[in-house]
Each structure stands twice: as structure tokens, then as C-alpha cells.
Amino acid sequence: MSGLVSLYADEDRYMKSFNVFLKNSSEHASMIKWIKHSLCKSINNLEGCADKEFLSVGSGNGELDVIILEEILKIIPRFNVTFVDPSHEQIDKCKTTIAMVKANSKAWDQVKVEFVEDTIEAFYEENSMRRFDFIYMVQMLYYVKDYKQVLQNILGMMRDSKSYGIILHVSSNSGYAKVWKNFSGRLPQNDSCNYVTANDITNVLATFHSPYSNTEISSDFKIFEDLLTTEEGKLAVDFITEAAYFVDNGDKGLVEDVIDLIKSNSCSRYSGDALCFNNNLSSIVFRK
């Protein structure tokens, strides 16, 4: 492992691998399908209650927030939303996304918004007494230093037992979970919770006696290129292992073992020319 570094330590390589993932994954479409078909059913106790406080953790560019919030607007006419993200670039994009929606939709007239450029840890330190009725986190718990503490803080910011939290995160039945379970000890580590899966999250919620449900969302990451010899294939492996230049810099035996597992029936299936890596997600709905 001496030649490997975390993918997150190489921003250019990360963005290249992430773009390969975005191009070939059904994750975004699968999340949108769940949001449109199941979100409001999952938080039905919020229905009809106005002036609720919502918290979006790791908002990114705000595009998924719009889909989530437009679904909620169908059952709740008025609420306030705080968007939190540590990236200045992403917060600016989020502001633009929300401003465009508010300018073009009367339904958003009664939605008050606030944007905070900060980590969730720092936000909690400054706002630990604030209370929220609905908190949602999409694919962001990999990037915190202590996900257990973050979950405890999130529960502390929920108003009462009628409040809801939703986490969309990689499933413990996914191919990632199998790769990480078998090899995380030989993959590069950093100060974030890179290799956390949904079961790790629900185990923590259980220790805090938080009622929760965990629903599987099917998704594939289709890989069309050879994993060992093509640039796109290598970038796909980087994304799965969260290690930059894994194929080129990893120990030969480790690389062979990881590739064999990725291609195995426990992680993937074949559809035509594509290797369909199991990219399943979990939607975790929890209460205080």
C-alpha cells in the first residue's frame, strides 16, 4: 500500500473518476425515483404543518435539494431551509440554483432560505441550540471526521420525536461494501469516514435508540472499458477503491485481488458489453 494515496488527496484525479461515475451510473436517476415515489410517504407526519425548519447537510450545487423540496411543497405549503456545505464554490452554485427556481415558481414564494458555508461539525458548534423538523443528508457522511459524533449532533438538533431525518448512503449490500470490507485495511486512509456503509450508520442510530427504517435502492455503475489497461477503466477502479492511480501504483497482488472481486458475481453482473457494478443505495429514515 506504500505507493497508494487517497483519491480525495488528488482533486484532479477525483474529479476525473467522479465524472466517469456520473456518466455511467444510474445512481442519480435511482435517487430521484425514490424521492418522487417514497419521500413524502416516509415523512407523512409533517404533512399540513407550516413554518417548519429544514436542514440540508452537504447541499452541493442544490439540484437534488430542489427535487426533494418540490416534493415536500406538495404536502407542506411553507417552510424554512438552511443549506450547509463547506465548499464556497458549491454554496455559490446552490444559491444560483435556488434563486432560479424561486424566480420561476410561485410555489417557492413562501420558502425562506439561508446558506451557510461551513462543515456540519462547525455548524453544530455555532448552532447547537437550533432545532429542525426535517434534516437530510445525501451521500455526505464519507467526508466527515467522526460520523458517529455527527449523527449524535444531528439527533440533538432534531426538534422532537415527530421530527425526521433522512440519509441516502451506499448500501451495505453494494459492491463497494464488499470491496471495502475485504480490503479497507490495505487501502489508503485519511481523516474522513471513507469506508462507512449504511449498516454502520444504522448501528449507530440503534445505540442512540433512534427508530429507523432502511430501504434498498437499486442502482448500477456500468463499466464498459477494461479495468487494467484503459484510462476510463482505471478511473472506475479509483472511484470504487477511493485510491488514486490504484491500478498503476498498488501492489500487484492487491490489484489482482481487488479486480477479481469487482468482477465477481458478489459485486457485479454483466449486461451486454457492460460490467454492471452493484451501486445500490440505502434510504435511511430515522426519528429522534
Protein backbone atom coordinates (compact mmCIF):
# COMPACT_ATOMS: atom_id res chain seq x y z
CA MET A 1 0.00 0.00 0.00
CA SER A 2 3.07 2.25 0.24
CA GLY A 3 2.50 3.65 -3.27
CA LEU A 4 -1.19 4.47 -2.77
CA VAL A 5 -2.74 7.76 -1.72
CA SER A 6 -6.35 8.65 -1.02
CA LEU A 7 -8.33 9.69 -4.08
CA TYR A 8 -9.55 12.70 -2.10
CA ALA A 9 -5.97 13.97 -1.80
CA ASP A 10 -5.79 14.38 -5.59
CA GLU A 11 -8.61 16.72 -6.65
CA ASP A 12 -7.92 16.43 -10.39
CA ARG A 13 -7.92 12.63 -10.29
CA TYR A 14 -11.01 12.60 -8.08
CA MET A 15 -12.97 14.80 -10.50
CA LYS A 16 -11.96 12.63 -13.46
CA SER A 17 -13.05 9.45 -11.69
CA PHE A 18 -16.24 11.08 -10.42
CA ASN A 19 -17.14 12.21 -13.94
CA VAL A 20 -16.70 8.62 -15.19
CA PHE A 21 -19.04 7.54 -12.41
CA LEU A 22 -21.62 10.23 -13.22
CA LYS A 23 -21.60 9.30 -16.90
CA ASN A 24 -22.12 5.59 -16.33
CA SER A 25 -24.09 5.30 -13.09
CA SER A 26 -27.85 5.13 -12.57
CA GLU A 27 -27.46 6.50 -9.03
CA HIS A 28 -28.89 9.96 -9.69
CA ALA A 29 -31.92 8.59 -11.52
CA SER A 30 -32.46 5.99 -8.79
CA MET A 31 -32.36 8.63 -6.06
CA ILE A 32 -34.80 10.84 -7.95
CA LYS A 33 -37.18 7.91 -8.41
CA TRP A 34 -37.12 7.22 -4.66
CA ILE A 35 -37.63 10.88 -3.82
CA LYS A 36 -40.62 11.22 -6.14
CA HIS A 37 -42.26 7.92 -5.17
CA SER A 38 -41.38 7.45 -1.49
CA LEU A 39 -40.13 10.62 0.20
CA CYS A 40 -43.45 12.15 1.21
CA LYS A 41 -44.80 8.79 2.34
CA SER A 42 -41.77 8.44 4.59
CA ILE A 43 -42.30 11.79 6.32
CA ASN A 44 -46.09 11.91 6.28
CA ASN A 45 -46.38 13.24 9.84
CA LEU A 46 -45.02 16.57 8.63
CA GLU A 47 -47.97 17.00 6.29
CA GLY A 48 -50.08 20.09 6.74
CA CYS A 49 -47.73 21.73 9.23
CA ALA A 50 -46.37 25.09 8.08
CA ASP A 51 -43.32 27.11 9.18
CA LYS A 52 -41.21 24.02 9.65
CA GLU A 53 -37.42 24.28 9.81
CA PHE A 54 -35.42 22.10 7.42
CA LEU A 55 -31.67 21.47 7.30
CA SER A 56 -29.80 20.27 4.21
CA VAL A 57 -26.37 18.90 5.13
CA GLY A 58 -23.83 18.79 2.32
CA SER A 59 -26.09 20.58 -0.15
CA GLY A 60 -23.65 20.65 -3.05
CA ASN A 61 -24.98 22.53 -6.07
CA GLY A 62 -28.57 22.35 -4.81
CA GLU A 63 -30.01 20.43 -7.76
CA LEU A 64 -31.07 17.43 -5.70
CA ASP A 65 -32.36 19.76 -2.97
CA VAL A 66 -34.77 21.29 -5.48
CA ILE A 67 -36.22 17.86 -6.29
CA ILE A 68 -36.55 16.99 -2.59
CA LEU A 69 -38.11 20.31 -1.62
CA GLU A 70 -40.52 20.44 -4.56
CA GLU A 71 -41.90 17.08 -3.46
CA ILE A 72 -42.33 18.40 0.09
CA LEU A 73 -44.06 21.53 -1.20
CA LYS A 74 -46.85 19.25 -2.41
CA ILE A 75 -47.77 18.49 1.22
CA ILE A 76 -46.38 21.47 3.17
CA PRO A 77 -47.07 25.00 1.86
CA ARG A 78 -44.48 26.93 3.83
CA PHE A 79 -41.12 26.15 5.41
CA ASN A 80 -37.62 27.49 6.01
CA VAL A 81 -34.49 25.76 4.71
CA THR A 82 -30.87 26.10 5.80
CA PHE A 83 -28.33 24.80 3.26
CA VAL A 84 -24.93 23.85 4.70
CA ASP A 85 -21.85 22.97 2.65
CA PRO A 86 -18.14 23.60 3.34
CA SER A 87 -17.32 24.43 -0.29
CA HIS A 88 -17.50 28.08 -1.34
CA GLU A 89 -17.94 27.01 -4.96
CA GLN A 90 -20.79 24.61 -4.14
CA ILE A 91 -22.61 27.12 -1.92
CA ASP A 92 -22.43 29.70 -4.71
CA LYS A 93 -23.86 27.15 -7.15
CA CYS A 94 -26.57 26.25 -4.64
CA LYS A 95 -27.53 29.92 -4.26
CA THR A 96 -27.83 30.23 -8.05
CA THR A 97 -29.87 27.03 -8.35
CA ILE A 98 -32.34 28.04 -5.63
CA ALA A 99 -32.60 31.64 -6.91
CA MET A 100 -33.52 30.40 -10.38
CA VAL A 101 -36.21 28.11 -9.00
CA LYS A 102 -37.67 30.80 -6.73
CA ALA A 103 -37.76 33.24 -9.67
CA ASN A 104 -39.75 30.81 -11.80
CA SER A 105 -42.10 29.11 -9.35
CA LYS A 106 -44.83 30.72 -7.26
CA ALA A 107 -44.82 27.66 -5.01
CA TRP A 108 -41.43 28.76 -3.70
CA ASP A 109 -42.62 32.22 -2.63
CA GLN A 110 -43.20 31.03 0.93
CA VAL A 111 -39.92 29.12 1.22
CA LYS A 112 -37.34 31.09 3.18
CA VAL A 113 -33.73 30.08 2.56
CA GLU A 114 -30.41 30.50 4.33
CA PHE A 115 -26.97 29.47 3.04
CA VAL A 116 -24.10 28.57 5.36
CA GLU A 117 -20.59 27.88 4.08
CA ASP A 118 -19.31 25.55 6.77
CA THR A 119 -18.75 21.95 7.77
CA ILE A 120 -21.56 20.27 9.65
CA GLU A 121 -19.25 19.98 12.67
CA ALA A 122 -18.61 23.74 12.76
CA PHE A 123 -22.29 24.48 12.04
CA TYR A 124 -23.29 22.39 15.05
CA GLU A 125 -20.81 24.16 17.32
CA GLU A 126 -22.35 27.51 16.44
CA ASN A 127 -25.99 26.36 16.22
CA SER A 128 -26.34 23.53 18.74
CA MET A 129 -29.46 25.12 20.22
CA ARG A 130 -31.29 25.40 16.90
CA ARG A 131 -33.99 22.82 16.27
CA PHE A 132 -35.12 21.36 12.96
CA ASP A 133 -38.14 19.35 11.91
CA PHE A 134 -36.52 17.67 8.92
CA ILE A 135 -32.81 17.06 8.29
CA TYR A 136 -31.50 15.34 5.18
CA MET A 137 -28.05 14.17 4.13
CA VAL A 138 -27.29 12.78 0.67
CA GLN A 139 -24.02 10.90 0.16
CA MET A 140 -22.05 13.10 2.58
CA LEU A 141 -21.13 11.05 5.64
CA TYR A 142 -17.97 9.81 3.89
CA TYR A 143 -16.50 13.29 4.23
CA VAL A 144 -16.76 13.88 7.98
CA LYS A 145 -14.09 13.03 10.53
CA ASP A 146 -16.40 11.26 13.00
CA TYR A 147 -19.71 10.11 11.56
CA LYS A 148 -20.87 8.80 14.95
CA GLN A 149 -20.49 12.22 16.53
CA VAL A 150 -22.16 13.89 13.55
CA LEU A 151 -25.15 11.56 13.88
CA GLN A 152 -25.38 12.31 17.59
CA ASN A 153 -25.30 16.04 16.83
CA ILE A 154 -27.96 15.67 14.14
CA LEU A 155 -30.24 13.87 16.57
CA GLY A 156 -29.60 16.66 19.06
CA MET A 157 -30.75 19.27 16.55
CA MET A 158 -34.00 17.46 15.77
CA ARG A 159 -36.91 19.22 17.45
CA ASP A 160 -38.78 16.25 18.92
CA SER A 161 -39.96 12.69 18.29
CA LYS A 162 -42.09 13.91 15.37
CA SER A 163 -39.04 15.21 13.50
CA TYR A 164 -37.49 13.25 10.66
CA GLY A 165 -34.03 12.63 9.35
CA ILE A 166 -33.18 11.04 6.01
CA ILE A 167 -29.80 9.73 4.90
CA LEU A 168 -29.08 8.45 1.38
CA HIS A 169 -25.88 6.42 1.53
CA VAL A 170 -24.13 3.48 -0.07
CA SER A 171 -25.83 0.19 0.82
CA SER A 172 -24.10 -2.49 2.86
CA ASN A 173 -25.20 -4.90 0.11
CA SER A 174 -23.40 -2.94 -2.59
CA GLY A 175 -20.21 -3.88 -4.38
CA TYR A 176 -18.43 -1.05 -2.59
CA ALA A 177 -19.25 -2.57 0.78
CA LYS A 178 -17.73 -5.88 -0.25
CA VAL A 179 -14.57 -4.27 -1.61
CA TRP A 180 -14.17 -2.07 1.45
CA LYS A 181 -14.88 -4.90 3.89
CA ASN A 182 -12.23 -7.08 2.32
CA PHE A 183 -9.56 -4.51 1.56
CA SER A 184 -10.04 -1.26 3.50
CA GLY A 185 -7.13 -2.18 5.76
CA ARG A 186 -4.87 -2.23 2.71
CA LEU A 187 -6.31 0.89 1.07
CA PRO A 188 -5.16 4.44 1.91
CA GLN A 189 -6.68 6.03 4.98
CA ASN A 190 -7.31 9.69 5.72
CA ASP A 191 -9.15 11.60 8.44
CA SER A 192 -12.59 11.06 6.88
CA CYS A 193 -15.01 8.15 7.20
CA ASN A 194 -14.41 6.90 3.66
CA TYR A 195 -15.43 3.29 4.09
CA VAL A 196 -18.67 3.74 6.05
CA THR A 197 -21.75 1.89 4.77
CA ALA A 198 -25.45 2.02 5.67
CA ASN A 199 -25.22 -0.71 8.32
CA ASP A 200 -22.56 1.30 10.17
CA ILE A 201 -24.98 4.22 10.25
CA THR A 202 -28.00 2.22 11.42
CA ASN A 203 -25.87 0.55 14.11
CA VAL A 204 -25.08 3.98 15.49
CA LEU A 205 -28.73 5.06 15.33
CA ALA A 206 -29.64 1.89 17.25
CA THR A 207 -27.18 2.76 20.04
CA PHE A 208 -28.97 6.11 20.39
CA HIS A 209 -32.37 4.31 20.43
CA SER A 210 -33.43 6.18 17.31
CA PRO A 211 -36.27 4.44 15.41
CA TYR A 212 -35.31 3.95 11.77
CA SER A 213 -36.15 2.15 8.55
CA ASN A 214 -33.63 1.13 5.91
CA THR A 215 -34.81 0.68 2.31
CA GLU A 216 -32.67 -0.61 -0.55
CA ILE A 217 -32.49 1.47 -3.75
CA SER A 218 -31.23 -0.43 -6.80
CA SER A 219 -28.50 1.18 -8.86
CA ASP A 220 -25.69 0.14 -11.23
CA PHE A 221 -22.32 1.61 -12.16
CA LYS A 222 -21.75 0.38 -15.72
CA ILE A 223 -18.13 -0.09 -16.73
CA PHE A 224 -17.52 -0.55 -20.46
CA GLU A 225 -13.72 -0.41 -20.57
CA ASP A 226 -11.06 -2.85 -19.39
CA LEU A 227 -10.21 -2.16 -15.75
CA LEU A 228 -6.47 -2.76 -16.09
CA THR A 229 -5.49 -1.29 -19.45
CA THR A 230 -7.78 1.67 -20.25
CA GLU A 231 -7.86 5.09 -18.62
CA GLU A 232 -11.61 5.05 -18.07
CA GLY A 233 -11.43 1.56 -16.57
CA LYS A 234 -8.65 2.64 -14.21
CA LEU A 235 -10.62 5.72 -13.19
CA ALA A 236 -13.61 3.49 -12.37
CA VAL A 237 -11.39 1.37 -10.12
CA ASP A 238 -10.05 4.52 -8.44
CA PHE A 239 -13.62 5.58 -7.67
CA ILE A 240 -14.54 2.19 -6.23
CA THR A 241 -11.40 1.82 -4.08
CA GLU A 242 -11.11 5.56 -3.26
CA ALA A 243 -7.39 5.26 -4.08
CA ALA A 244 -5.71 7.43 -6.73
CA TYR A 245 -3.97 5.54 -9.54
CA PHE A 246 -4.80 2.26 -7.82
CA VAL A 247 -4.07 0.01 -10.80
CA ASP A 248 -0.74 1.68 -11.58
CA ASN A 249 0.57 2.18 -8.05
CA GLY A 250 -0.98 -0.62 -5.98
CA ASP A 251 0.85 -3.82 -5.10
CA LYS A 252 0.35 -6.30 -7.94
CA GLY A 253 -1.26 -8.93 -5.71
CA LEU A 254 -3.62 -6.39 -4.17
CA VAL A 255 -4.63 -5.05 -7.57
CA GLU A 256 -5.35 -8.56 -8.88
CA ASP A 257 -7.40 -9.46 -5.80
CA VAL A 258 -9.47 -6.26 -5.96
CA ILE A 259 -10.14 -6.56 -9.70
CA ASP A 260 -11.16 -10.19 -9.27
CA LEU A 261 -13.63 -9.19 -6.55
CA ILE A 262 -15.04 -6.30 -8.58
CA LYS A 263 -15.68 -8.67 -11.50
CA SER A 264 -17.12 -11.44 -9.31
CA ASN A 265 -20.81 -12.30 -9.03
CA SER A 266 -20.88 -10.95 -5.49
CA CYS A 267 -20.14 -7.42 -6.76
CA SER A 268 -21.24 -7.26 -10.38
CA ARG A 269 -23.29 -8.70 -13.19
CA TYR A 270 -22.85 -8.49 -16.93
CA SER A 271 -25.28 -6.83 -19.32
CA GLY A 272 -24.15 -6.95 -22.93
CA ASP A 273 -20.71 -5.35 -23.10
CA ALA A 274 -21.04 -3.71 -19.70
CA LEU A 275 -19.80 -4.83 -16.31
CA CYS A 276 -22.60 -3.62 -14.00
CA PHE A 277 -21.07 -2.97 -10.61
CA ASN A 278 -23.59 -3.06 -7.74
CA ASN A 279 -24.09 0.59 -6.82
CA ASN A 280 -27.12 0.04 -4.53
CA LEU A 281 -28.02 2.76 -2.05
CA SER A 282 -29.90 2.79 1.22
CA SER A 283 -32.52 5.32 2.20
CA ILE A 284 -32.41 5.54 5.99
CA VAL A 285 -35.38 7.34 7.54
CA PHE A 286 -34.97 7.98 11.26
CA ARG A 287 -36.59 9.78 14.18
CA LYS A 288 -35.29 11.32 17.35
